[in-house]
């Protein structure tokens, strides 16, 4: 699916590519505001904004409000990743998108969910009002078991250009590729080599260095405050540390709502199933005017 894209320039010379799905079924330029504000969708690792475009259109229709999907740095028409990458630096970019679009709600998937929670933690100091935050398989960096799954040699492997090996280590270590994550590493490295000349394989390999840095950013993140008005969904078949993250968030902030999505794997928001999108629409519709 192709959407109309806008490239927005910011004070620090950074630029972010944004797709805005309108409830009419059309794609708007991001500079066009809607009184309802809408939702900003933050994507995960190993993917670009484009894989969420169909889901964005469906959610915009359900909400009757725009859904803004942007390419985080290192993808598409956005700036390269900065030298100092962290959850907070990603959250500051998300705040720029919220400010530009007028949206006050966030939906974050995987790494994007971790970023969304950080946005809620720092939004007060930024002057941007964030109303509601929803996530799917968001990982917290504390008390969830994620650290035990992280291989500290992975950044060096990626930096040395061993892309296939780094991808295999990510897939096996994080367990986010459903049954593929259970394959032996040697098989995954062979799969990476066999698909390296295909368009999907080329995109995947190009995103490995950025994705390794992003996962490390979660692992290295300090403790932060869990915001209120959060809805954390985890897939029934997703790795256990995602459900543990939702449990930790709920313990730290009792207003946190949690839900296990029956039949869903880690790629739930990309597939854009109606059951899942309706749950998000119900959550966001409780407060659609974010002025």
Foldseek 3Di string as FASTA:
>chain_A
DDADWDWDADPVRWIKIKWKAALVRHIDYLQDEDQLLEEEEEEAALDFQVLLVVLQNVLNVLQNHMYMYIGQALDDPTHHDDPDDALLVSLVVVLVSCVNHVHQEYEYAALGLQSQQVVLQCVVVVVRHHDAYEYELYFAQPDQCLLVLDDVCLLVCVVVPLLQLSVLSCCLSQVQPFPVNVDDSVVSSVVLVVCCPPPSSVSSSSRSNVNSVSSVNRNPDDDTQGHARYEYEYEPREDRSSVVRQVVNCVRPVNYHYYYDYPDGSCVSSVNDPVVSNVVSVSCNVRRRDD
